[in-house]
Every structure is written in structure tokens, then in C-alpha cells.
Amino acid sequence: MREQFAAWVEESRQHDAAYGETVDGRPRFDLEPGHGPDAPALRRVNAPADVSGAYFEAMSDSRMTDMVADVIGPNVKHHHNKINSKMPGAATAVKWHQDFPFTPHSNTDLVTALLMLDDVTEENGPLEVEPGSHKGPLHSLWHQGAFTGAVDSSEAQRMQAAAMTCFAPAGSVCLMHTCVAHGSAPNLSDKPRTLFITVYSAADAFPCCPNPVPNTHEGLIVRGVDPNIIRATEYRLRPPEFPKGASFFLQQGRDREEAAR
């Protein structure tokens, strides 16, 4: 998996804007501002399991898949997968948010699995979470009529004050409920921080909105069987804005006034 990602980084040196194509025509490869041939900054690969056997195997039939089944199984369904990478010195920060408002389903039995392709340290922009936030409210990502992909500043400050940092050696997996509030700082180290991120749901959870990372394996049953049942729980949430560009980094990068225009 690391060799494949390294090959994609090398390929990215030839491009100066997001490139490639996913099943809905949006770019597969997203580049951070400042990317160039001498300092490649490939920050997102959309649906790598669509184009790589190694990533498909990790998503569909690996110890990571078994771990997810232990949490929300026995029947588990794949929703989407992606790579988020922070190259050394990368300026990209992930603002505080919950994943579920991006991917609302009929119930909340969803897990985001983060497979660490590099050693994740305290210095290279690790995941930060607010413990217990999956049991609390769903926070809006809409502000002043604009979808910003992040919670408001006062909530973000509160979450940051309570944050726990998640770091571990390459090959480790972090399982995160999609209602957990989380964010991450820029990579200030000389080491990369690359994650293969896969979102799974219980097989009886059905999407309420279009997939923000469309892929050819959406709905694939990776453990157990399809129960052919929709299970619903009550919550209220404004639908997300479907991303127009290569990734949600573009949504989070807009301020409220720009997004509202």
C-alpha cells in the first residue's frame, strides 16, 4: 500500500491541479496549495480501492475488516474509502467536525477505520478527538446559510480543550464512531502522515444522501450477509452540501462569507 501511494506521489509531480477521474467525473487526486514537482503535496486520493488491488483487499477482507465487524457486526457494509496524507511541512489542517453529518444514514452504526500507513506521531498532524462526543449532539456544519464542513468556532475551542491525541506506529488501526468530533493540526515534522480511511456501516443502515466519495464498491457487504432490512433511529440533521471539487478540504478551506456567495 505504501509503495502504491509513493507511486501516486511521483505521478503527482507531473500535475499542477487536481487530476484523474472517479465514477462521478470529479478528480481522484487532490493536491494541496503549493504543490509542485520539487515539493509534491498529494493530500487526497478518492476511492483508491477502485484502482488498487492492495487497497481493495485492505478495505474488504483484512484484519481491519474483522475489527469493524467486532464493533458493528456481524453484517457490515462498505460505504467509501479514501487516502488523506500530510506531507512533511504540509499546511493542511482538518477543522473540527463529525463525519456523520457528511454521510447521514438511517441509523448511526457507522465506523470510520483509519489505517496508519506511516508512523503517526505527536508532531506530524495526528488525529485529535473529543472523547465521548459520539454520545452527544450532532453539530451543524452549516453557518450563516453556508456549508463550511466544520463546527462553529466556539464549539471547536471547547472540543480542542478536551482533545485526546491519537498516535501509533504504521500498521495500526484507529476505529472511530462517525459521530465522534475530531480534527487535526498541520504536519510540522519532516515525516509524512498518511492514512487509508474507510467508512463502514451496519448492513441495515441506509444512506440518506448521495455518497460524497462515490465509488464502485459502495454497498459491498464485507462481513456477514445483507439482511434486506432498513433500521432507523431518530435524529434531526440538515443535509450536507455535496462536494463539487476533489475533496472536503475545499469546503473547509472556504470562510463563511465566501461559501455563502
Protein backbone atom coordinates (compact mmCIF):
# COMPACT_ATOMS: atom_id res chain seq x y z
CA MET A 1 0.00 0.00 0.00
CA ARG A 2 2.87 2.36 0.79
CA GLU A 3 4.58 1.52 -2.49
CA GLN A 4 1.38 2.28 -4.40
CA PHE A 5 0.92 5.61 -2.63
CA ALA A 6 4.58 6.50 -3.29
CA ALA A 7 3.96 5.82 -7.00
CA TRP A 8 0.96 8.16 -6.93
CA VAL A 9 3.08 10.85 -5.27
CA GLU A 10 5.65 10.53 -8.04
CA GLU A 11 2.89 10.74 -10.66
CA SER A 12 1.52 13.88 -9.00
CA ARG A 13 4.77 15.74 -9.76
CA GLN A 14 3.58 15.99 -13.36
CA HIS A 15 0.37 17.84 -12.42
CA ASP A 16 -0.40 21.33 -11.19
CA ALA A 17 -4.08 20.81 -10.36
CA ALA A 18 -6.39 18.06 -9.16
CA TYR A 19 -6.47 15.26 -11.74
CA GLY A 20 -7.72 11.76 -12.55
CA GLU A 21 -11.36 10.77 -12.58
CA THR A 22 -13.72 8.97 -10.22
CA VAL A 23 -17.04 7.35 -11.10
CA ASP A 24 -18.90 10.68 -11.00
CA GLY A 25 -16.28 12.55 -13.02
CA ARG A 26 -14.69 14.51 -10.17
CA PRO A 27 -10.90 14.28 -9.72
CA ARG A 28 -9.44 11.27 -7.94
CA PHE A 29 -6.23 13.01 -6.85
CA ASP A 30 -6.34 16.27 -4.84
CA LEU A 31 -3.29 18.49 -4.46
CA GLU A 32 -2.56 20.87 -1.62
CA PRO A 33 -1.89 24.55 -2.49
CA GLY A 34 1.85 24.94 -3.02
CA HIS A 35 2.21 21.53 -4.65
CA GLY A 36 4.93 21.35 -7.29
CA PRO A 37 7.33 18.93 -8.96
CA ASP A 38 10.03 19.62 -6.38
CA ALA A 39 7.70 19.52 -3.39
CA PRO A 40 4.77 17.20 -4.16
CA ALA A 41 1.78 17.59 -1.84
CA LEU A 42 -0.75 14.91 -2.75
CA ARG A 43 -3.25 15.23 0.09
CA ARG A 44 -6.21 13.09 -1.02
CA VAL A 45 -6.82 10.03 -3.16
CA ASN A 46 -10.53 9.35 -3.63
CA ALA A 47 -11.63 5.69 -3.68
CA PRO A 48 -8.18 4.10 -4.02
CA ALA A 49 -9.82 0.66 -3.68
CA ASP A 50 -11.36 1.26 -7.12
CA VAL A 51 -7.93 1.33 -8.77
CA SER A 52 -5.64 -0.70 -6.47
CA GLY A 53 -5.88 -4.34 -5.50
CA ALA A 54 -3.90 -3.77 -2.31
CA TYR A 55 -6.30 -1.10 -1.10
CA PHE A 56 -9.33 -3.16 -2.11
CA GLU A 57 -8.05 -6.12 -0.10
CA ALA A 58 -7.41 -3.95 2.97
CA MET A 59 -10.90 -2.47 2.69
CA SER A 60 -12.80 -5.69 2.00
CA ASP A 61 -11.00 -8.59 3.65
CA SER A 62 -8.36 -7.80 6.23
CA ARG A 63 -7.82 -7.73 9.98
CA MET A 64 -9.18 -4.17 9.83
CA THR A 65 -12.44 -5.51 8.38
CA ASP A 66 -12.59 -8.07 11.19
CA MET A 67 -12.10 -5.32 13.77
CA VAL A 68 -15.02 -3.34 12.35
CA ALA A 69 -17.23 -6.44 12.41
CA ASP A 70 -16.40 -6.89 16.09
CA VAL A 71 -17.82 -3.40 16.72
CA ILE A 72 -20.88 -3.10 14.44
CA GLY A 73 -21.25 -6.62 13.01
CA PRO A 74 -21.99 -9.29 12.23
CA ASN A 75 -23.32 -7.78 8.98
CA VAL A 76 -21.09 -4.96 7.69
CA LYS A 77 -21.35 -2.81 4.57
CA HIS A 78 -18.70 -0.64 2.89
CA HIS A 79 -19.64 2.99 2.20
CA HIS A 80 -16.50 4.73 0.89
CA ASN A 81 -12.73 4.86 1.15
CA LYS A 82 -10.02 7.46 0.64
CA ILE A 83 -6.44 8.37 1.49
CA ASN A 84 -5.66 11.54 3.44
CA SER A 85 -1.99 12.46 3.51
CA LYS A 86 0.02 15.23 5.09
CA MET A 87 3.43 15.53 3.52
CA PRO A 88 6.29 16.96 5.63
CA GLY A 89 5.58 20.62 6.32
CA ALA A 90 2.06 20.36 4.86
CA ALA A 91 -0.10 23.31 5.80
CA THR A 92 -3.41 21.47 5.64
CA ALA A 93 -5.27 21.31 8.94
CA VAL A 94 -8.56 19.46 9.41
CA LYS A 95 -11.07 21.65 11.21
CA TRP A 96 -13.21 20.15 13.95
CA HIS A 97 -16.23 18.23 12.67
CA GLN A 98 -18.13 14.95 12.89
CA ASP A 99 -18.22 12.57 9.93
CA PHE A 100 -21.87 11.57 10.29
CA PRO A 101 -23.27 14.94 9.08
CA PHE A 102 -21.31 14.37 5.83
CA THR A 103 -22.72 10.84 5.44
CA PRO A 104 -26.09 10.63 7.26
CA HIS A 105 -27.66 7.17 7.36
CA SER A 106 -30.91 5.74 8.68
CA ASN A 107 -29.09 4.84 11.90
CA THR A 108 -25.78 5.81 13.46
CA ASP A 109 -23.99 2.44 13.48
CA LEU A 110 -21.13 3.69 11.33
CA VAL A 111 -17.39 3.41 11.90
CA THR A 112 -14.53 5.28 10.29
CA ALA A 113 -11.48 3.00 10.19
CA LEU A 114 -8.13 4.75 9.89
CA LEU A 115 -5.24 2.50 8.83
CA MET A 116 -1.95 4.27 9.51
CA LEU A 117 0.37 3.84 6.52
CA ASP A 118 3.07 5.89 8.25
CA ASP A 119 4.09 6.22 11.87
CA VAL A 120 1.71 8.78 13.34
CA THR A 121 3.45 10.92 15.94
CA GLU A 122 2.56 13.90 18.08
CA GLU A 123 4.40 16.14 15.60
CA ASN A 124 3.09 15.11 12.17
CA GLY A 125 -0.54 16.19 12.45
CA PRO A 126 -2.20 13.29 14.28
CA LEU A 127 -5.91 12.80 14.74
CA GLU A 128 -7.37 14.61 17.75
CA VAL A 129 -10.73 13.52 19.15
CA GLU A 130 -13.14 14.71 21.82
CA PRO A 131 -13.71 11.60 23.96
CA GLY A 132 -17.36 10.69 24.44
CA SER A 133 -18.64 13.10 21.79
CA HIS A 134 -20.31 10.23 19.87
CA LYS A 135 -22.85 10.10 22.70
CA GLY A 136 -23.60 13.82 22.48
CA PRO A 137 -25.39 16.05 19.97
CA LEU A 138 -24.88 16.18 16.23
CA HIS A 139 -23.25 19.52 15.47
CA SER A 140 -24.26 21.53 12.43
CA LEU A 141 -21.72 22.11 9.68
CA TRP A 142 -23.89 24.93 8.27
CA HIS A 143 -23.27 28.50 9.43
CA GLN A 144 -24.91 31.71 8.21
CA GLY A 145 -26.51 29.75 5.38
CA ALA A 146 -23.20 28.27 4.20
CA PHE A 147 -21.87 24.72 4.42
CA THR A 148 -18.38 25.04 5.92
CA GLY A 149 -17.73 21.38 6.75
CA ALA A 150 -16.78 22.35 10.31
CA VAL A 151 -18.39 23.14 13.65
CA ASP A 152 -18.61 26.76 14.76
CA SER A 153 -15.61 28.40 16.41
CA SER A 154 -16.91 28.27 19.97
CA GLU A 155 -17.61 24.53 19.73
CA ALA A 156 -14.22 23.99 18.10
CA GLN A 157 -12.47 25.72 21.00
CA ARG A 158 -14.35 23.59 23.52
CA MET A 159 -13.52 20.39 21.61
CA GLN A 160 -9.87 21.36 21.32
CA ALA A 161 -9.64 21.95 25.06
CA ALA A 162 -10.93 18.40 25.70
CA ALA A 163 -8.98 16.76 22.89
CA MET A 164 -7.15 13.45 23.08
CA THR A 165 -4.38 12.83 20.53
CA CYS A 166 -4.27 9.50 18.67
CA PHE A 167 -0.86 8.34 17.50
CA ALA A 168 0.62 4.90 16.86
CA PRO A 169 3.09 3.03 14.62
CA ALA A 170 2.44 2.32 10.94
CA GLY A 171 0.10 -0.63 10.52
CA SER A 172 -2.08 0.38 13.46
CA VAL A 173 -5.81 0.94 13.05
CA CYS A 174 -7.98 3.51 14.80
CA LEU A 175 -11.72 2.79 14.83
CA MET A 176 -13.76 5.95 15.27
CA HIS A 177 -17.53 6.25 15.58
CA THR A 178 -18.65 8.65 12.85
CA CYS A 179 -20.32 10.87 15.46
CA VAL A 180 -17.00 11.47 17.27
CA ALA A 181 -15.87 15.10 16.99
CA HIS A 182 -12.36 15.31 15.64
CA GLY A 183 -9.79 17.43 13.81
CA SER A 184 -6.04 17.58 13.25
CA ALA A 185 -3.25 20.14 13.05
CA PRO A 186 -0.80 20.69 10.17
CA ASN A 187 2.22 18.42 9.82
CA LEU A 188 5.12 20.38 11.27
CA SER A 189 7.59 17.49 11.13
CA ASP A 190 9.89 16.08 8.45
CA LYS A 191 7.91 12.81 8.35
CA PRO A 192 4.78 12.11 6.26
CA ARG A 193 1.44 11.18 7.84
CA THR A 194 -0.69 9.12 5.50
CA LEU A 195 -3.97 7.38 6.43
CA PHE A 196 -6.13 4.94 4.49
CA ILE A 197 -9.64 5.83 5.67
CA THR A 198 -12.62 3.54 5.16
CA VAL A 199 -16.18 4.18 6.31
CA TYR A 200 -18.31 1.15 7.11
CA SER A 201 -21.90 0.84 8.28
CA ALA A 202 -24.05 -1.84 9.79
CA ALA A 203 -25.70 -3.57 6.84
CA ASP A 204 -29.14 -2.33 7.95
CA ALA A 205 -28.04 1.33 7.87
CA PHE A 206 -29.03 3.01 4.60
CA PRO A 207 -27.57 6.28 3.25
CA CYS A 208 -29.86 9.31 3.37
CA CYS A 209 -27.79 11.42 0.95
CA PRO A 210 -25.50 10.84 -2.03
CA ASN A 211 -22.08 9.47 -1.21
CA PRO A 212 -19.52 12.32 -1.02
CA VAL A 213 -16.87 9.87 -2.32
CA PRO A 214 -18.73 7.85 -4.98
CA ASN A 215 -17.08 4.52 -5.72
CA THR A 216 -17.74 1.24 -7.47
CA HIS A 217 -17.86 -0.72 -4.20
CA GLU A 218 -20.47 1.31 -2.32
CA GLY A 219 -22.85 -1.10 -0.57
CA LEU A 220 -20.48 -4.07 -0.75
CA ILE A 221 -21.19 -6.50 2.11
CA VAL A 222 -17.73 -7.17 3.56
CA ARG A 223 -18.79 -9.30 6.53
CA GLY A 224 -21.91 -11.35 7.13
CA VAL A 225 -24.95 -11.06 4.86
CA ASP A 226 -27.37 -8.45 3.59
CA PRO A 227 -30.38 -8.60 5.96
CA ASN A 228 -32.55 -6.69 3.46
CA ILE A 229 -33.88 -4.53 6.30
CA ILE A 230 -33.69 -0.79 6.95
CA ARG A 231 -33.24 0.06 10.63
CA ALA A 232 -33.98 3.67 11.57
CA THR A 233 -33.23 5.78 14.62
CA GLU A 234 -34.48 9.29 15.31
CA TYR A 235 -32.29 12.36 14.82
CA ARG A 236 -32.57 15.73 13.12
CA LEU A 237 -29.88 16.98 10.74
CA ARG A 238 -29.66 19.36 7.82
CA PRO A 239 -28.47 17.54 4.67
CA PRO A 240 -24.83 18.18 3.71
CA GLU A 241 -23.69 20.06 0.64
CA PHE A 242 -22.41 17.64 -1.98
CA PRO A 243 -18.75 18.49 -2.71
CA LYS A 244 -18.14 19.96 -6.15
CA GLY A 245 -14.36 19.61 -6.09
CA ALA A 246 -11.90 16.84 -5.34
CA SER A 247 -12.36 16.78 -1.55
CA PHE A 248 -13.92 18.32 1.52
CA PHE A 249 -10.68 20.23 2.09
CA LEU A 250 -12.03 22.73 -0.43
CA GLN A 251 -15.23 23.12 1.61
CA GLN A 252 -13.34 23.53 4.86
CA GLY A 253 -10.97 25.99 3.22
CA ARG A 254 -13.74 28.49 2.45
CA ASP A 255 -14.78 31.05 5.01
CA ARG A 256 -18.47 31.55 5.71
CA GLU A 257 -18.86 34.65 3.61
CA GLU A 258 -17.20 33.09 0.56
CA ALA A 259 -19.26 29.90 0.92
CA ALA A 260 -22.48 31.90 1.19
CA ARG A 261 -21.90 33.71 -2.10
